[in-house]
Every structure is written in structure tokens, then in C-alpha cells.
Protein backbone atom coordinates (compact mmCIF):
# COMPACT_ATOMS: atom_id res chain seq x y z
CA UNK A 1 -4.88 19.01 19.93
CA UNK A 2 -4.23 15.99 17.69
CA UNK A 3 -1.30 17.72 16.01
CA UNK A 4 0.30 18.58 19.34
CA UNK A 5 -0.03 14.96 20.42
CA UNK A 6 1.77 13.85 17.25
CA UNK A 7 4.61 16.27 18.05
CA UNK A 8 4.84 14.76 21.54
CA UNK A 9 4.97 11.25 20.07
CA UNK A 10 7.78 12.25 17.70
CA UNK A 11 9.67 13.81 20.62
CA UNK A 12 9.32 10.57 22.58
CA UNK A 13 10.66 8.60 19.62
CA UNK A 14 13.56 11.00 19.03
CA UNK A 15 14.34 12.62 22.42
CA UNK A 16 17.55 14.15 21.10
CA UNK A 17 15.64 16.35 18.62
CA UNK A 18 13.19 19.24 18.86
CA UNK A 19 9.89 19.08 17.00
CA UNK A 20 7.53 21.94 16.21
CA UNK A 21 3.90 21.85 15.14
CA UNK A 22 4.61 24.52 12.50
CA UNK A 23 6.51 21.87 10.51
CA UNK A 24 3.43 19.65 10.31
CA UNK A 25 1.07 19.90 7.32
CA UNK A 26 -1.95 17.86 6.19
CA UNK A 27 -1.56 15.90 2.95
CA UNK A 28 -4.92 14.16 3.12
CA UNK A 29 -7.75 14.81 5.55
CA UNK A 30 -9.24 11.41 6.28
CA UNK A 31 -12.65 10.97 7.83
CA UNK A 32 -14.22 8.38 10.09
CA UNK A 33 -12.25 5.14 9.40
CA UNK A 34 -9.62 6.78 7.17
CA UNK A 35 -6.37 8.11 8.58
CA UNK A 36 -5.40 11.75 8.41
CA UNK A 37 -2.12 11.81 6.47
CA UNK A 38 0.41 14.44 7.55
CA UNK A 39 3.86 15.44 6.43
CA UNK A 40 6.42 16.51 9.00
CA UNK A 41 9.44 18.27 7.50
CA UNK A 42 12.32 20.09 9.16
CA UNK A 43 16.11 20.23 8.75
CA UNK A 44 16.53 16.67 10.06
CA UNK A 45 13.35 14.74 9.23
CA UNK A 46 10.89 14.33 6.39
CA UNK A 47 8.10 11.96 7.41
CA UNK A 48 4.67 10.91 6.25
CA UNK A 49 2.50 10.32 9.31
CA UNK A 50 -0.76 8.36 9.31
CA UNK A 51 -2.91 8.93 12.35
CA UNK A 52 -6.41 7.88 13.47
CA UNK A 53 -6.82 10.10 16.54
CA UNK A 54 -9.79 11.84 14.90
CA UNK A 55 -11.73 8.60 14.37
CA UNK A 56 -14.56 7.46 16.67
CA UNK A 57 -13.47 5.39 19.66
CA UNK A 58 -14.74 2.09 18.22
CA UNK A 59 -12.66 2.66 15.06
CA UNK A 60 -9.59 3.57 17.13
CA UNK A 61 -9.99 0.37 19.15
CA UNK A 62 -10.50 -1.92 16.18
CA UNK A 63 -9.89 -1.05 12.52
CA UNK A 64 -7.34 1.68 13.18
CA UNK A 65 -5.11 -0.66 15.19
CA UNK A 66 -5.47 -3.35 12.57
CA UNK A 67 -4.58 -1.01 9.69
CA UNK A 68 -1.54 0.47 11.44
CA UNK A 69 -0.35 -2.98 12.46
CA UNK A 70 -0.72 -4.25 8.88
CA UNK A 71 1.29 -1.35 7.49
CA UNK A 72 4.05 -1.60 10.08
CA UNK A 73 4.47 -5.35 9.58
CA UNK A 74 4.54 -4.90 5.79
CA UNK A 75 7.27 -2.26 5.95
CA UNK A 76 9.25 -4.45 8.33
CA UNK A 77 8.99 -7.46 6.01
CA UNK A 78 10.11 -5.36 3.03
CA UNK A 79 12.95 -3.69 4.92
CA UNK A 80 15.95 -3.15 2.63
CA UNK A 81 13.98 -3.62 -0.57
CA UNK A 82 14.43 -1.07 -3.34
CA UNK A 83 11.41 1.16 -3.88
CA UNK A 84 10.08 1.01 -0.31
CA UNK A 85 10.49 3.60 2.44
CA UNK A 86 13.66 2.69 4.35
CA UNK A 87 12.69 4.31 7.66
CA UNK A 88 9.50 3.68 9.60
CA UNK A 89 8.38 4.19 13.20
CA UNK A 90 5.29 3.16 15.07
CA UNK A 91 4.26 6.25 17.01
CA UNK A 92 1.30 4.63 18.77
CA UNK A 93 -1.21 1.82 18.32
CA UNK A 94 -3.07 4.09 15.86
CA UNK A 95 -0.23 6.07 14.29
CA UNK A 96 2.80 5.40 12.11
CA UNK A 97 5.53 7.55 10.54
CA UNK A 98 7.76 6.66 7.61
CA UNK A 99 10.18 8.47 5.33
CA UNK A 100 8.56 10.72 2.74
CA UNK A 101 9.28 9.74 -0.87
CA UNK A 102 9.76 12.71 -3.17
CA UNK A 103 8.16 12.14 -6.54
CA UNK A 104 4.97 12.10 -8.61
CA UNK A 105 2.21 9.43 -8.47
CA UNK A 106 1.40 7.66 -11.72
CA UNK A 107 -2.19 8.81 -11.29
CA UNK A 108 -1.05 12.43 -11.55
CA UNK A 109 1.11 11.68 -14.58
CA UNK A 110 -1.85 9.99 -16.26
CA UNK A 111 -4.09 13.01 -15.69
CA UNK A 112 -1.38 15.28 -17.11
CA UNK A 113 -0.90 13.10 -20.17
CA UNK A 114 2.76 12.48 -19.34
CA UNK A 115 4.67 9.43 -20.62
CA UNK A 116 7.63 7.64 -19.02
CA UNK A 117 10.11 5.00 -20.26
CA UNK A 118 9.41 1.28 -20.43
CA UNK A 119 12.43 0.66 -18.17
CA UNK A 120 10.45 2.13 -15.25
CA UNK A 121 7.82 -0.61 -15.57
CA UNK A 122 10.40 -3.35 -15.99
CA UNK A 123 11.80 -2.24 -12.62
CA UNK A 124 8.31 -2.08 -11.17
CA UNK A 125 7.60 -5.61 -12.34
CA UNK A 126 10.78 -6.86 -10.65
CA UNK A 127 9.81 -5.05 -7.45
CA UNK A 128 6.43 -6.79 -7.39
CA UNK A 129 8.17 -10.15 -7.88
CA UNK A 130 10.56 -9.38 -5.02
CA UNK A 131 7.66 -8.40 -2.76
CA UNK A 132 5.91 -11.68 -3.55
CA UNK A 133 9.11 -13.65 -2.87
CA UNK A 134 9.06 -12.06 0.57
CA UNK A 135 5.57 -13.47 1.05
CA UNK A 136 3.60 -10.22 0.82
CA UNK A 137 0.89 -8.86 -1.47
CA UNK A 138 0.12 -5.13 -1.63
CA UNK A 139 -3.51 -5.39 -2.88
CA UNK A 140 -3.72 -1.69 -3.79
CA UNK A 141 -1.34 -1.22 -6.73
CA UNK A 142 -4.20 -0.80 -9.19
CA UNK A 143 -4.67 2.53 -7.44
CA UNK A 144 -2.05 4.45 -9.43
CA UNK A 145 -1.72 6.94 -6.60
CA UNK A 146 0.26 4.28 -4.74
CA UNK A 147 3.02 3.99 -7.34
CA UNK A 148 5.48 6.89 -7.38
CA UNK A 149 7.92 8.06 -10.03
CA UNK A 150 10.74 9.18 -7.75
CA UNK A 151 12.94 12.21 -8.34
CA UNK A 152 15.66 9.70 -9.23
CA UNK A 153 13.46 8.24 -11.98
CA UNK A 154 12.90 4.97 -10.09
CA UNK A 155 9.58 3.39 -9.02
CA UNK A 156 8.39 3.40 -5.41
CA UNK A 157 5.46 1.80 -3.56
CA UNK A 158 3.49 3.57 -0.85
CA UNK A 159 0.45 2.81 1.35
CA UNK A 160 0.75 -0.73 2.70
CA UNK A 161 -2.41 -0.51 4.82
CA UNK A 162 -4.05 -3.34 2.85
CA UNK A 163 -0.90 -5.43 2.45
CA UNK A 164 -0.78 -8.89 3.96
CA UNK A 165 1.17 -12.15 3.89
CA UNK A 166 -0.39 -14.86 1.77
CA UNK A 167 1.38 -18.15 2.52
CA UNK A 168 -1.55 -19.65 4.45
CA UNK A 169 -4.22 -18.60 1.97
CA UNK A 170 -5.99 -20.98 -0.40
CA UNK A 171 -3.93 -21.58 -3.53
CA UNK A 172 -6.55 -19.99 -5.80
CA UNK A 173 -6.63 -16.88 -3.65
CA UNK A 174 -2.83 -16.59 -3.54
CA UNK A 175 -2.78 -16.69 -7.32
CA UNK A 176 -5.48 -14.06 -7.59
CA UNK A 177 -3.88 -11.71 -5.05
CA UNK A 178 -0.48 -11.85 -6.76
CA UNK A 179 -2.25 -11.30 -10.06
CA UNK A 180 -3.98 -8.22 -8.67
CA UNK A 181 -0.58 -6.69 -7.85
CA UNK A 182 0.86 -7.57 -11.23
CA UNK A 183 -2.16 -6.20 -13.04
CA UNK A 184 -1.49 -2.90 -11.22
CA UNK A 185 1.89 -2.77 -12.97
CA UNK A 186 0.30 -3.30 -16.37
CA UNK A 187 -2.47 -0.82 -15.62
CA UNK A 188 0.15 1.85 -14.96
CA UNK A 189 2.08 0.70 -18.02
CA UNK A 190 -1.01 1.11 -20.20
CA UNK A 191 -1.71 4.55 -18.73
CA UNK A 192 1.64 6.34 -18.83
CA UNK A 193 4.30 4.28 -20.63
CA UNK A 194 5.84 5.47 -23.89
CA UNK A 195 5.31 1.96 -25.31
CA UNK A 196 2.19 -0.24 -25.08
CA UNK A 197 1.88 -3.47 -23.13
CA UNK A 198 2.46 -6.35 -25.56
CA UNK A 199 2.78 -10.13 -25.74
CA UNK A 200 1.95 -12.37 -22.81
CA UNK A 201 1.77 -9.36 -20.49
CA UNK A 202 -1.04 -7.86 -22.53
CA UNK A 203 -2.83 -11.23 -22.59
CA UNK A 204 -2.48 -11.54 -18.82
CA UNK A 205 -3.75 -8.01 -18.22
CA UNK A 206 -6.74 -8.48 -20.54
CA UNK A 207 -7.66 -11.83 -18.99
CA UNK A 208 -7.31 -10.52 -15.45
CA UNK A 209 -9.53 -7.54 -16.19
CA UNK A 210 -12.16 -9.84 -17.67
CA UNK A 211 -12.07 -12.01 -14.57
CA UNK A 212 -12.44 -8.96 -12.31
CA UNK A 213 -15.61 -8.02 -14.18
CA UNK A 214 -17.14 -11.35 -13.15
CA UNK A 215 -16.10 -10.97 -9.51
CA UNK A 216 -19.28 -10.72 -7.44
CA UNK A 217 -17.95 -7.87 -5.31
CA UNK A 218 -18.23 -4.89 -7.67
CA UNK A 219 -16.53 -1.52 -7.19
CA UNK A 220 -12.84 -1.19 -6.42
CA UNK A 221 -13.03 -0.50 -2.65
CA UNK A 222 -15.48 -3.39 -2.20
CA UNK A 223 -13.36 -5.63 -4.39
CA UNK A 224 -10.21 -4.88 -2.40
CA UNK A 225 -12.01 -5.27 0.92
CA UNK A 226 -13.49 -8.61 -0.15
CA UNK A 227 -10.05 -10.00 -1.00
CA UNK A 228 -8.65 -8.73 2.27
CA UNK A 229 -11.50 -10.19 4.36
CA UNK A 230 -11.52 -13.54 2.57
CA UNK A 231 -7.78 -13.81 3.05
CA UNK A 232 -8.06 -12.83 6.70
CA UNK A 233 -10.82 -15.37 7.28
CA UNK A 234 -8.70 -18.11 5.73
CA UNK A 235 -6.12 -17.59 8.50
CA UNK A 236 -8.58 -17.92 11.37
CA UNK A 237 -8.66 -21.06 13.57
CA UNK A 238 -10.86 -23.70 12.02
CA UNK A 239 -10.31 -22.41 8.51
CA UNK A 240 -8.43 -25.57 7.47
CA UNK A 241 -11.59 -27.14 6.10
CA UNK A 242 -12.29 -24.03 4.02
CA UNK A 243 -8.74 -24.13 2.63
CA UNK A 244 -8.95 -27.83 1.79
CA UNK A 245 -12.17 -27.24 -0.13
CA UNK A 246 -11.14 -24.07 -1.98
CA UNK A 247 -7.73 -25.49 -2.92
CA UNK A 248 -9.58 -27.96 -5.18
CA UNK A 249 -10.73 -25.14 -7.48
């Protein structure tokens, strides 16, 4: 039922094309408040589709809409940037499709004991800087499954569900969020690069990891959620006082 609805949504988006449910496969079966991730592939299209139709109604009406909106706005802000999917479509308030990126996640390479050139991470570092110049933090790059070694040998980002703009956040939080993204680069570098992280980059990575250990919200999902919620709260009406206080630290 859900799959057929996705096919109907694709047909509405591209009325000049035919879509068939046989071309739809599940990449990740999400549960409750996690999206089911599909891949649709035929002679004309190759899409990743995130969809929350399976979630309970209160998730569909709240978190699902928020997550899909966050991801769509992030992809729109990064439009034209190297290393980011160049085609994306909002299928519904709880579903999004974007171009599939052929490649291997760094997490998989790490498990296989593979090593890749330093040039890959230099490119990745520049991509993070470009993303920050566009006013966006990813917040999930320490998850090495979200960094892809493309078939062309170049780095790619995926999964912008947690991404958000940071210009209105407290200064200390902006610095920490950007640091979290950058530390994801050095985490991948340490895991799968032919050469070790050295110099000021190693010092930054070590110091950031030490700071994370003292963060009161322990565990990666909780840590990421805490950053996201604190940042979101700082943008709410009446949060000016909070920003004026926290900017002093």
C-alpha cells in the first residue's frame, strides 16, 4: 500500500513518465520515528526516497514533517555545491526523493580495512567549509555512513535530516556545531586515510573529542539530538535573552 502510494507520488511529480512498483526496493527499513529509505531505479531515474507513511499518526503530523522539511531546505541551500545530490523533490509533507549517489560509505571502508588517499579528505574539508559558508551545519558527519566515496573517487555527503542553519544561534553553539562537522572529517581521516591526521588538525580533533566526553548528554544519538534541540530553542521567540547570556561564555 505504502509503496503504491510512493509510485503515485512519483507519477504526479513526473507525469510524462511511467513508474512501476517493481523498480522500488528497500535500502533501510525504518521503524516508528525513522523513515523507510527506498531506492527507485529504472532507465530514466535513480532516486533515494525517504518516507514516513508507516509511522504513527502523531509522528507523521509532527517529527516526520519537521525532518523532511529540514532535509529539503538543506538540499535547497546547498544546491550546486560539489558533493551534494543535485536533484531533489518533495513528494509529500512526509516524503522526499533525491538523486542516488553511487559509491561506498566510509563506515563500510573502515570495516573492510580499506585505505584511501589524503586528497579525498582535503576535498572533504573544503566541502565542509563551503557548507558552513552557506550557513548550514550537517550535525551527522561523525556517522561515517553519511560520507560516501563516490565511483569517481570524490567525497559526497548524504542524510541532511539533522542539518540546520546556524546564524541565529549563540556564538558558542555555532562554534561547537561547526566543530562537530569538522571533527567528522578528521574521524573519517583517522579511520580510512593512507596517512594519519597530523599537526593542528590532530590537535583540534583530540581536543574536540575530549570536550565531547565532558558533554552532559552522553551517547551519540542523544548528543546529536541535544545540539539540534538547543539550537532550535535558540531560534524561538523570546530566546534573545538566552542568546545574550550564552554569548558571554
